[in-house]
Structure formats: C-alpha cells, structure tokens
N, C-alpha and C. Protein backbone atom coordinates (compact mmCIF):
# COMPACT_ATOMS: atom_id res chain seq x y z
N MET A 1 16.93 -20.25 6.77
CA MET A 1 16.54 -21.45 6.02
C MET A 1 16.28 -21.09 4.57
N CYS A 2 16.50 -22.04 3.71
CA CYS A 2 16.47 -21.79 2.28
C CYS A 2 15.39 -22.63 1.61
N GLY A 3 14.41 -21.95 1.05
CA GLY A 3 13.37 -22.67 0.32
C GLY A 3 13.61 -22.61 -1.17
N ASP A 4 12.55 -22.52 -1.97
CA ASP A 4 12.70 -22.42 -3.42
C ASP A 4 13.00 -20.99 -3.84
N GLU A 5 12.78 -20.04 -2.94
CA GLU A 5 12.97 -18.63 -3.26
C GLU A 5 14.45 -18.26 -3.21
N TYR A 6 14.77 -17.09 -3.71
CA TYR A 6 16.15 -16.59 -3.60
C TYR A 6 16.44 -16.24 -2.15
N ASN A 7 17.66 -16.51 -1.74
CA ASN A 7 18.05 -16.23 -0.36
C ASN A 7 19.25 -15.30 -0.37
N GLY A 8 19.06 -14.06 0.04
CA GLY A 8 20.14 -13.10 0.06
C GLY A 8 20.68 -12.81 -1.33
N GLY A 9 19.83 -12.87 -2.35
CA GLY A 9 20.23 -12.52 -3.71
C GLY A 9 20.93 -13.64 -4.44
N ARG A 10 20.96 -14.83 -3.88
CA ARG A 10 21.60 -15.94 -4.58
C ARG A 10 20.70 -17.18 -4.53
N VAL A 11 20.91 -18.08 -5.45
CA VAL A 11 20.11 -19.30 -5.49
C VAL A 11 20.68 -20.30 -4.49
N CYS A 12 19.81 -21.05 -3.85
CA CYS A 12 20.24 -22.02 -2.86
C CYS A 12 20.97 -23.18 -3.52
N THR A 13 21.92 -23.75 -2.81
CA THR A 13 22.63 -24.91 -3.31
C THR A 13 21.84 -26.17 -2.98
N VAL A 14 22.23 -27.26 -3.59
CA VAL A 14 21.56 -28.54 -3.33
C VAL A 14 21.75 -28.94 -1.87
N GLY A 15 22.93 -28.69 -1.34
CA GLY A 15 23.22 -29.03 0.06
C GLY A 15 22.28 -28.33 1.01
N GLU A 16 22.01 -27.06 0.75
CA GLU A 16 21.09 -26.30 1.60
C GLU A 16 19.68 -26.88 1.50
N GLY A 17 19.29 -27.28 0.31
CA GLY A 17 17.97 -27.89 0.13
C GLY A 17 17.84 -29.17 0.93
N ILE A 18 18.91 -29.97 0.94
CA ILE A 18 18.90 -31.22 1.70
C ILE A 18 18.81 -30.92 3.20
N MET A 19 19.55 -29.90 3.64
CA MET A 19 19.52 -29.54 5.06
C MET A 19 18.12 -29.08 5.47
N VAL A 20 17.47 -28.30 4.60
CA VAL A 20 16.12 -27.84 4.91
C VAL A 20 15.18 -29.02 5.03
N LYS A 21 15.29 -29.98 4.11
CA LYS A 21 14.43 -31.17 4.18
C LYS A 21 14.71 -31.94 5.46
N PHE A 22 15.98 -32.05 5.84
CA PHE A 22 16.35 -32.76 7.06
C PHE A 22 15.74 -32.08 8.28
N TYR A 23 15.90 -30.76 8.35
CA TYR A 23 15.40 -30.03 9.52
C TYR A 23 13.88 -30.05 9.61
N THR A 24 13.19 -29.98 8.46
CA THR A 24 11.73 -29.91 8.49
C THR A 24 11.10 -31.28 8.72
N ILE A 25 11.80 -32.36 8.37
CA ILE A 25 11.22 -33.70 8.48
C ILE A 25 11.82 -34.48 9.65
N LYS A 26 13.14 -34.59 9.70
CA LYS A 26 13.80 -35.42 10.70
C LYS A 26 13.84 -34.77 12.08
N LEU A 27 14.19 -33.50 12.13
CA LEU A 27 14.42 -32.84 13.41
C LEU A 27 13.19 -32.80 14.31
N PRO A 28 11.99 -32.45 13.78
CA PRO A 28 10.81 -32.46 14.66
C PRO A 28 10.55 -33.83 15.29
N LYS A 29 10.72 -34.90 14.52
CA LYS A 29 10.52 -36.25 15.08
C LYS A 29 11.56 -36.54 16.14
N PHE A 30 12.81 -36.15 15.86
CA PHE A 30 13.92 -36.37 16.78
C PHE A 30 13.68 -35.63 18.09
N LEU A 31 13.32 -34.34 17.99
CA LEU A 31 13.05 -33.54 19.18
C LEU A 31 11.83 -34.07 19.93
N GLY A 32 10.82 -34.49 19.17
CA GLY A 32 9.62 -35.06 19.80
C GLY A 32 9.95 -36.28 20.63
N GLY A 33 10.85 -37.12 20.12
CA GLY A 33 11.27 -38.32 20.85
C GLY A 33 12.00 -37.95 22.13
N ILE A 34 12.87 -36.94 22.05
CA ILE A 34 13.62 -36.51 23.23
C ILE A 34 12.67 -35.95 24.28
N VAL A 35 11.73 -35.11 23.85
CA VAL A 35 10.77 -34.51 24.79
C VAL A 35 9.95 -35.59 25.46
N ARG A 36 9.50 -36.59 24.68
CA ARG A 36 8.71 -37.69 25.25
C ARG A 36 9.52 -38.47 26.28
N ALA A 37 10.77 -38.74 25.96
CA ALA A 37 11.62 -39.48 26.90
C ALA A 37 11.83 -38.68 28.18
N MET A 38 12.04 -37.36 28.04
CA MET A 38 12.23 -36.52 29.22
C MET A 38 10.96 -36.50 30.08
N LEU A 39 9.80 -36.36 29.43
CA LEU A 39 8.54 -36.34 30.18
C LEU A 39 8.32 -37.66 30.91
N ASN A 40 8.63 -38.77 30.24
CA ASN A 40 8.47 -40.08 30.86
C ASN A 40 9.38 -40.22 32.08
N SER A 41 10.62 -39.75 31.97
CA SER A 41 11.55 -39.86 33.10
C SER A 41 11.08 -38.98 34.26
N PHE A 42 10.52 -37.82 33.95
CA PHE A 42 10.02 -36.94 35.01
C PHE A 42 8.82 -37.57 35.72
N LYS A 43 7.95 -38.22 34.95
CA LYS A 43 6.77 -38.85 35.54
C LYS A 43 7.18 -39.99 36.47
N LYS A 44 8.17 -40.78 36.04
CA LYS A 44 8.64 -41.90 36.87
C LYS A 44 9.30 -41.38 38.14
N GLY A 45 10.10 -40.33 37.97
CA GLY A 45 10.82 -39.76 39.12
C GLY A 45 9.89 -38.90 39.93
C-alpha cells in the first residue's frame, strides 16, 4: 500500500493514492456488510 511516503524509491501515483483511499474507506464497510449478511444467514439456518 502506498501512503504519502516514498514506496520502493519512487513517488506514488495519483491512481495508487485513490486505490489506497478506496481500500481504507470502502472495503472495510463492504466486507463488514458481507460478514453481517453471512452471520445473519447462519443464525437463520
């Protein structure tokens, strides 16, 4: 993952910055929703 620091001796591109923001903000919510749905289905079954 690429933050504000240098990554492997090179500066991160804008695309990488967008991906990092996506993974840190969107992905946890997305995974949380999946986990909740799975838990609910297990409880019903």
